[in-house]
Amino acid sequence: MSAGPPRIGLFGGAFDPPHDAHIALARAAIDELQLERLHIVPTGDAWHKTRPLSPGVHRLAMCRLAFAKVPEVLVDDRELHRDGPTYTVDTLTELRAEHPGAELFLQIGADQAGVFHSWRRPDEILRLATLSIAVRGAASGPANPFDADDPLPGLRFDPGRVRVLKLSAMPHSATEVRRRVAAGQSIAHLVPAAVAGYIAQHHLYQDPR
């Protein structure tokens, strides 16, 4: 790990459910950014989601199972305990207060980079943390092509505050996991065995949302 100030990452999301691509991204971020700790933060009341999320207790439990073999990960439940919508800028502000000497990194996907300008106080996020944008394969998809020359459309920013993390193409998505579960199909190739067992035990995703 880095010999300088502690490096702490934040990787938030619905994790409904967490899948193998989430784990691959976490491992890549830890290695490339030399993180001492990566906070995995299941979102609470997600202001940007159009569908209801599964109860936080299930998403939290699945995250703990999914990332159990990544020692640098801390599954952080703080957003699940907030009242009202949860915003990344608030979590970063808390992490800065808890670790005043640390270098903070925020991990997002290329699709999120395309709408980052619509997040709450994006300029403050870039002041608090270096943004690490994960790109799977050559692009993030035909609907949201990622442009490395303009990774944050709609924003002016210091290029030194943005990193691009290139990953192998992985066709995993939480939407596909939920669809397969609802259709009675195997998800063994998409999620860790412990997560698949938890989904079955608690009869999650029977409704193909």
C-alpha atoms as a PDB file:
ATOM      1  CA  MET A   1       0.000   0.000   0.000  1.00  0.00           C
ATOM      2  CA  SER A   2       0.975   3.663  -0.290  1.00  0.00           C
ATOM      3  CA  ALA A   3       3.708   5.009   2.039  1.00  0.00           C
ATOM      4  CA  GLY A   4       2.031   8.438   2.089  1.00  0.00           C
ATOM      5  CA  PRO A   5      -1.234   9.479   3.750  1.00  0.00           C
ATOM      6  CA  PRO A   6      -3.789   6.687   4.249  1.00  0.00           C
ATOM      7  CA  ARG A   7      -5.812   6.017   1.113  1.00  0.00           C
ATOM      8  CA  ILE A   8      -9.475   5.289   1.739  1.00  0.00           C
ATOM      9  CA  GLY A   9     -12.042   4.484  -0.923  1.00  0.00           C
ATOM     10  CA  LEU A  10     -15.816   4.731  -1.080  1.00  0.00           C
ATOM     11  CA  PHE A  11     -17.844   2.449  -3.326  1.00  0.00           C
ATOM     12  CA  GLY A  12     -21.561   3.019  -2.885  1.00  0.00           C
ATOM     13  CA  GLY A  13     -24.545   1.546  -4.645  1.00  0.00           C
ATOM     14  CA  ALA A  14     -27.786  -0.330  -4.295  1.00  0.00           C
ATOM     15  CA  PHE A  15     -26.027  -3.730  -4.270  1.00  0.00           C
ATOM     16  CA  ASP A  16     -29.397  -5.300  -5.002  1.00  0.00           C
ATOM     17  CA  PRO A  17     -27.774  -7.799  -5.136  1.00  0.00           C
ATOM     18  CA  PRO A  18     -23.962  -7.522  -5.087  1.00  0.00           C
ATOM     19  CA  HIS A  19     -22.459  -9.631  -7.886  1.00  0.00           C
ATOM     20  CA  ASP A  20     -19.103 -10.826  -9.165  1.00  0.00           C
ATOM     21  CA  ALA A  21     -18.402  -7.666 -11.169  1.00  0.00           C
ATOM     22  CA  HIS A  22     -18.775  -5.591  -7.992  1.00  0.00           C
ATOM     23  CA  ILE A  23     -16.155  -7.771  -6.327  1.00  0.00           C
ATOM     24  CA  ALA A  24     -13.818  -7.559  -9.325  1.00  0.00           C
ATOM     25  CA  LEU A  25     -14.164  -3.777  -9.341  1.00  0.00           C
ATOM     26  CA  ALA A  26     -13.444  -3.563  -5.608  1.00  0.00           C
ATOM     27  CA  ARG A  27     -10.300  -5.696  -5.947  1.00  0.00           C
ATOM     28  CA  ALA A  28      -9.092  -3.646  -8.934  1.00  0.00           C
ATOM     29  CA  ALA A  29      -9.683  -0.357  -7.131  1.00  0.00           C
ATOM     30  CA  ILE A  30      -7.828  -1.564  -4.034  1.00  0.00           C
ATOM     31  CA  ASP A  31      -4.858  -2.698  -6.120  1.00  0.00           C
ATOM     32  CA  GLU A  32      -4.608   0.190  -8.585  1.00  0.00           C
ATOM     33  CA  LEU A  33      -5.376   2.996  -6.120  1.00  0.00           C
ATOM     34  CA  GLN A  34      -3.356   1.343  -3.327  1.00  0.00           C
ATOM     35  CA  LEU A  35      -6.252   1.614  -0.897  1.00  0.00           C
ATOM     36  CA  GLU A  36      -5.800   0.664   2.728  1.00  0.00           C
ATOM     37  CA  ARG A  37      -9.539   0.445   3.151  1.00  0.00           C
ATOM     38  CA  LEU A  38     -12.523   0.440   0.813  1.00  0.00           C
ATOM     39  CA  HIS A  39     -15.900   1.301   2.305  1.00  0.00           C
ATOM     40  CA  ILE A  40     -18.692  -0.617   0.593  1.00  0.00           C
ATOM     41  CA  VAL A  41     -21.803   1.456   1.301  1.00  0.00           C
ATOM     42  CA  PRO A  42     -25.270   0.118   0.443  1.00  0.00           C
ATOM     43  CA  THR A  43     -27.461   3.111  -0.259  1.00  0.00           C
ATOM     44  CA  GLY A  44     -30.442   3.945   1.898  1.00  0.00           C
ATOM     45  CA  ASP A  45     -33.231   5.974   0.287  1.00  0.00           C
ATOM     46  CA  ALA A  46     -31.713   6.302  -3.178  1.00  0.00           C
ATOM     47  CA  TRP A  47     -32.971   9.538  -4.707  1.00  0.00           C
ATOM     48  CA  HIS A  48     -32.059   8.443  -8.257  1.00  0.00           C
ATOM     49  CA  LYS A  49     -33.667   4.986  -8.284  1.00  0.00           C
ATOM     50  CA  THR A  50     -37.024   4.598 -10.024  1.00  0.00           C
ATOM     51  CA  ARG A  51     -37.788   1.183  -8.531  1.00  0.00           C
ATOM     52  CA  PRO A  52     -38.127   0.250  -4.849  1.00  0.00           C
ATOM     53  CA  LEU A  53     -34.997  -1.332  -3.437  1.00  0.00           C
ATOM     54  CA  SER A  54     -34.947  -4.530  -1.426  1.00  0.00           C
ATOM     55  CA  PRO A  55     -34.911  -3.950   2.353  1.00  0.00           C
ATOM     56  CA  GLY A  56     -31.582  -2.642   3.569  1.00  0.00           C
ATOM     57  CA  VAL A  57     -31.137  -5.526   6.004  1.00  0.00           C
ATOM     58  CA  HIS A  58     -30.936  -7.951   3.053  1.00  0.00           C
ATOM     59  CA  ARG A  59     -28.636  -5.823   0.913  1.00  0.00           C
ATOM     60  CA  LEU A  60     -26.335  -5.278   3.880  1.00  0.00           C
ATOM     61  CA  ALA A  61     -26.204  -8.993   4.674  1.00  0.00           C
ATOM     62  CA  MET A  62     -25.484  -9.884   1.046  1.00  0.00           C
ATOM     63  CA  CYS A  63     -22.658  -7.321   0.896  1.00  0.00           C
ATOM     64  CA  ARG A  64     -21.075  -8.845   3.985  1.00  0.00           C
ATOM     65  CA  LEU A  65     -21.221 -12.259   2.347  1.00  0.00           C
ATOM     66  CA  ALA A  66     -20.033 -11.043  -1.067  1.00  0.00           C
ATOM     67  CA  PHE A  67     -16.981  -9.128   0.172  1.00  0.00           C
ATOM     68  CA  ALA A  68     -16.017 -11.432   3.057  1.00  0.00           C
ATOM     69  CA  LYS A  69     -12.844 -12.565   1.274  1.00  0.00           C
ATOM     70  CA  VAL A  70     -11.602  -9.045   0.479  1.00  0.00           C
ATOM     71  CA  PRO A  71      -9.771  -8.053   3.689  1.00  0.00           C
ATOM     72  CA  GLU A  72      -9.442  -4.368   2.796  1.00  0.00           C
ATOM     73  CA  VAL A  73     -13.214  -3.974   2.498  1.00  0.00           C
ATOM     74  CA  LEU A  74     -15.336  -2.505   5.272  1.00  0.00           C
ATOM     75  CA  VAL A  75     -19.059  -2.946   4.681  1.00  0.00           C
ATOM     76  CA  ASP A  76     -20.436   0.348   5.980  1.00  0.00           C
ATOM     77  CA  ASP A  77     -24.124   0.630   6.908  1.00  0.00           C
ATOM     78  CA  ARG A  78     -24.250   4.367   7.666  1.00  0.00           C
ATOM     79  CA  GLU A  79     -26.487   5.337   4.742  1.00  0.00           C
ATOM     80  CA  LEU A  80     -29.089   2.751   5.734  1.00  0.00           C
ATOM     81  CA  HIS A  81     -29.575   4.608   9.028  1.00  0.00           C
ATOM     82  CA  ARG A  82     -30.152   8.048   7.522  1.00  0.00           C
ATOM     83  CA  ASP A  83     -33.585   9.583   7.304  1.00  0.00           C
ATOM     84  CA  GLY A  84     -34.619  10.790   3.856  1.00  0.00           C
ATOM     85  CA  PRO A  85     -32.581  10.591   0.648  1.00  0.00           C
ATOM     86  CA  THR A  86     -28.925   9.611   0.964  1.00  0.00           C
ATOM     87  CA  TYR A  87     -26.262  11.591  -0.869  1.00  0.00           C
ATOM     88  CA  THR A  88     -22.660  10.636  -1.579  1.00  0.00           C
ATOM     89  CA  VAL A  89     -21.407  14.105  -0.660  1.00  0.00           C
ATOM     90  CA  ASP A  90     -22.704  13.623   2.893  1.00  0.00           C
ATOM     91  CA  THR A  91     -20.905  10.289   3.266  1.00  0.00           C
ATOM     92  CA  LEU A  92     -17.658  11.740   1.938  1.00  0.00           C
ATOM     93  CA  THR A  93     -17.986  14.672   4.345  1.00  0.00           C
ATOM     94  CA  GLU A  94     -18.338  12.213   7.228  1.00  0.00           C
ATOM     95  CA  LEU A  95     -15.333  10.177   6.057  1.00  0.00           C
ATOM     96  CA  ARG A  96     -13.252  13.348   5.790  1.00  0.00           C
ATOM     97  CA  ALA A  97     -14.154  14.248   9.397  1.00  0.00           C
ATOM     98  CA  GLU A  98     -13.316  10.713  10.557  1.00  0.00           C
ATOM     99  CA  HIS A  99     -10.019  10.567   8.633  1.00  0.00           C
ATOM    100  CA  PRO A 100      -8.763  14.167   8.300  1.00  0.00           C
ATOM    101  CA  GLY A 101      -5.329  13.170   7.037  1.00  0.00           C
ATOM    102  CA  ALA A 102      -6.459  10.565   4.519  1.00  0.00           C
ATOM    103  CA  GLU A 103      -6.657  10.751   0.749  1.00  0.00           C
ATOM    104  CA  LEU A 104     -10.193   9.847  -0.290  1.00  0.00           C
ATOM    105  CA  PHE A 105     -11.237   8.114  -3.510  1.00  0.00           C
ATOM    106  CA  LEU A 106     -14.784   7.717  -4.818  1.00  0.00           C
ATOM    107  CA  GLN A 107     -15.402   4.729  -7.079  1.00  0.00           C
ATOM    108  CA  ILE A 108     -18.160   5.032  -9.683  1.00  0.00           C
ATOM    109  CA  GLY A 109     -19.050   3.403 -12.981  1.00  0.00           C
ATOM    110  CA  ALA A 110     -18.785   4.948 -16.438  1.00  0.00           C
ATOM    111  CA  ASP A 111     -22.582   5.156 -16.663  1.00  0.00           C
ATOM    112  CA  GLN A 112     -22.667   7.207 -13.454  1.00  0.00           C
ATOM    113  CA  ALA A 113     -19.926   9.487 -14.761  1.00  0.00           C
ATOM    114  CA  GLY A 114     -22.248  10.490 -17.576  1.00  0.00           C
ATOM    115  CA  VAL A 115     -24.806  11.864 -15.120  1.00  0.00           C
ATOM    116  CA  PHE A 116     -22.397  12.947 -12.391  1.00  0.00           C
ATOM    117  CA  HIS A 117     -23.253  16.614 -13.017  1.00  0.00           C
ATOM    118  CA  SER A 118     -26.783  15.884 -11.718  1.00  0.00           C
ATOM    119  CA  TRP A 119     -25.550  14.537  -8.367  1.00  0.00           C
ATOM    120  CA  ARG A 120     -25.889  16.657  -5.250  1.00  0.00           C
ATOM    121  CA  ARG A 121     -22.976  19.135  -5.044  1.00  0.00           C
ATOM    122  CA  PRO A 122     -20.667  17.427  -7.590  1.00  0.00           C
ATOM    123  CA  ASP A 123     -18.044  20.174  -7.266  1.00  0.00           C
ATOM    124  CA  GLU A 124     -17.780  19.505  -3.546  1.00  0.00           C
ATOM    125  CA  ILE A 125     -17.454  15.776  -4.182  1.00  0.00           C
ATOM    126  CA  LEU A 126     -14.463  16.499  -6.427  1.00  0.00           C
ATOM    127  CA  ARG A 127     -12.970  18.695  -3.702  1.00  0.00           C
ATOM    128  CA  LEU A 128     -13.355  15.951  -1.104  1.00  0.00           C
ATOM    129  CA  ALA A 129     -12.200  12.968  -3.164  1.00  0.00           C
ATOM    130  CA  THR A 130     -10.435  11.820  -6.289  1.00  0.00           C
ATOM    131  CA  LEU A 131     -12.961  10.249  -8.636  1.00  0.00           C
ATOM    132  CA  SER A 132     -12.135   6.784  -9.961  1.00  0.00           C
ATOM    133  CA  ILE A 133     -14.279   5.860 -12.972  1.00  0.00           C
ATOM    134  CA  ALA A 134     -14.505   2.158 -13.770  1.00  0.00           C
ATOM    135  CA  VAL A 135     -14.873   1.281 -17.433  1.00  0.00           C
ATOM    136  CA  ARG A 136     -15.685  -2.307 -18.348  1.00  0.00           C
ATOM    137  CA  GLY A 137     -14.208  -3.352 -21.664  1.00  0.00           C
ATOM    138  CA  ALA A 138     -13.978  -0.807 -24.484  1.00  0.00           C
ATOM    139  CA  ALA A 139     -17.009   1.234 -23.422  1.00  0.00           C
ATOM    140  CA  SER A 140     -19.779   1.369 -20.885  1.00  0.00           C
ATOM    141  CA  GLY A 141     -22.462   0.530 -23.416  1.00  0.00           C
ATOM    142  CA  PRO A 142     -24.103   2.008 -26.506  1.00  0.00           C
ATOM    143  CA  ALA A 143     -26.508   4.132 -24.472  1.00  0.00           C
ATOM    144  CA  ASN A 144     -23.743   5.649 -22.337  1.00  0.00           C
ATOM    145  CA  PRO A 145     -20.489   5.680 -24.333  1.00  0.00           C
ATOM    146  CA  PHE A 146     -17.553   6.718 -22.191  1.00  0.00           C
ATOM    147  CA  ASP A 147     -15.276   9.424 -23.542  1.00  0.00           C
ATOM    148  CA  ALA A 148     -11.912   9.449 -21.761  1.00  0.00           C
ATOM    149  CA  ASP A 149     -11.274  12.959 -23.104  1.00  0.00           C
ATOM    150  CA  ASP A 150     -14.475  14.212 -21.468  1.00  0.00           C
ATOM    151  CA  PRO A 151     -15.152  11.779 -18.589  1.00  0.00           C
ATOM    152  CA  LEU A 152     -17.469  14.147 -16.704  1.00  0.00           C
ATOM    153  CA  PRO A 153     -19.661  15.869 -19.309  1.00  0.00           C
ATOM    154  CA  GLY A 154     -21.220  19.088 -18.108  1.00  0.00           C
ATOM    155  CA  LEU A 155     -18.544  19.808 -15.486  1.00  0.00           C
ATOM    156  CA  ARG A 156     -15.299  21.733 -15.330  1.00  0.00           C
ATOM    157  CA  PHE A 157     -12.791  19.861 -13.178  1.00  0.00           C
ATOM    158  CA  ASP A 158      -9.134  19.377 -12.364  1.00  0.00           C
ATOM    159  CA  PRO A 159      -7.956  16.380 -14.442  1.00  0.00           C
ATOM    160  CA  GLY A 160      -5.781  15.375 -11.495  1.00  0.00           C
ATOM    161  CA  ARG A 161      -8.952  14.649  -9.523  1.00  0.00           C
ATOM    162  CA  VAL A 162     -10.152  11.992 -11.973  1.00  0.00           C
ATOM    163  CA  ARG A 163      -8.755   8.512 -12.591  1.00  0.00           C
ATOM    164  CA  VAL A 164      -9.942   5.912 -15.106  1.00  0.00           C
ATOM    165  CA  LEU A 165      -9.943   2.303 -13.933  1.00  0.00           C
ATOM    166  CA  LYS A 166     -10.079  -0.101 -16.870  1.00  0.00           C
ATOM    167  CA  LEU A 167     -11.636  -3.507 -16.255  1.00  0.00           C
ATOM    168  CA  SER A 168     -12.203  -6.570 -18.390  1.00  0.00           C
ATOM    169  CA  ALA A 169     -15.609  -6.796 -20.009  1.00  0.00           C
ATOM    170  CA  MET A 170     -18.035  -8.486 -17.610  1.00  0.00           C
ATOM    171  CA  PRO A 171     -21.704  -8.799 -18.628  1.00  0.00           C
ATOM    172  CA  HIS A 172     -22.867  -8.915 -15.005  1.00  0.00           C
ATOM    173  CA  SER A 173     -25.623  -6.671 -13.704  1.00  0.00           C
ATOM    174  CA  ALA A 174     -27.966  -6.712 -10.725  1.00  0.00           C
ATOM    175  CA  THR A 175     -30.875  -6.394 -13.169  1.00  0.00           C
ATOM    176  CA  GLU A 176     -29.822  -9.617 -14.895  1.00  0.00           C
ATOM    177  CA  VAL A 177     -29.455 -11.419 -11.556  1.00  0.00           C
ATOM    178  CA  ARG A 178     -32.961 -10.388 -10.495  1.00  0.00           C
ATOM    179  CA  ARG A 179     -34.391 -11.370 -13.879  1.00  0.00           C
ATOM    180  CA  ARG A 180     -32.808 -14.804 -13.760  1.00  0.00           C
ATOM    181  CA  VAL A 181     -33.988 -15.458 -10.210  1.00  0.00           C
ATOM    182  CA  ALA A 182     -37.553 -14.496 -11.129  1.00  0.00           C
ATOM    183  CA  ALA A 183     -37.374 -16.816 -14.148  1.00  0.00           C
ATOM    184  CA  GLY A 184     -36.075 -19.716 -12.063  1.00  0.00           C
ATOM    185  CA  GLN A 185     -32.685 -19.706 -13.804  1.00  0.00           C
ATOM    186  CA  SER A 186     -29.246 -20.262 -12.280  1.00  0.00           C
ATOM    187  CA  ILE A 187     -27.222 -17.294 -11.033  1.00  0.00           C
ATOM    188  CA  ALA A 188     -24.208 -19.381  -9.995  1.00  0.00           C
ATOM    189  CA  HIS A 189     -22.019 -17.695 -12.636  1.00  0.00           C
ATOM    190  CA  LEU A 190     -23.046 -14.188 -11.578  1.00  0.00           C
ATOM    191  CA  VAL A 191     -22.822 -14.036  -7.767  1.00  0.00           C
ATOM    192  CA  PRO A 192     -20.815 -15.735  -5.008  1.00  0.00           C
ATOM    193  CA  ALA A 193     -22.306 -19.002  -3.751  1.00  0.00           C
ATOM    194  CA  ALA A 194     -23.069 -17.460  -0.350  1.00  0.00           C
ATOM    195  CA  VAL A 195     -25.080 -14.662  -1.980  1.00  0.00           C
ATOM    196  CA  ALA A 196     -26.986 -17.129  -4.175  1.00  0.00           C
ATOM    197  CA  GLY A 197     -27.789 -19.157  -1.049  1.00  0.00           C
ATOM    198  CA  TYR A 198     -28.997 -16.064   0.807  1.00  0.00           C
ATOM    199  CA  ILE A 199     -31.261 -15.065  -2.093  1.00  0.00           C
ATOM    200  CA  ALA A 200     -32.790 -18.537  -2.157  1.00  0.00           C
ATOM    201  CA  GLN A 201     -33.155 -18.748   1.613  1.00  0.00           C
ATOM    202  CA  HIS A 202     -34.977 -15.424   1.838  1.00  0.00           C
ATOM    203  CA  HIS A 203     -36.981 -15.822  -1.402  1.00  0.00           C
ATOM    204  CA  LEU A 204     -35.696 -12.542  -2.840  1.00  0.00           C
ATOM    205  CA  TYR A 205     -36.395 -11.280  -6.349  1.00  0.00           C
ATOM    206  CA  GLN A 206     -39.419 -13.428  -7.031  1.00  0.00           C
ATOM    207  CA  ASP A 207     -40.969 -10.355  -8.637  1.00  0.00           C
ATOM    208  CA  PRO A 208     -38.963  -9.605 -11.834  1.00  0.00           C
ATOM    209  CA  ARG A 209     -38.473  -5.857 -11.265  1.00  0.00           C
END
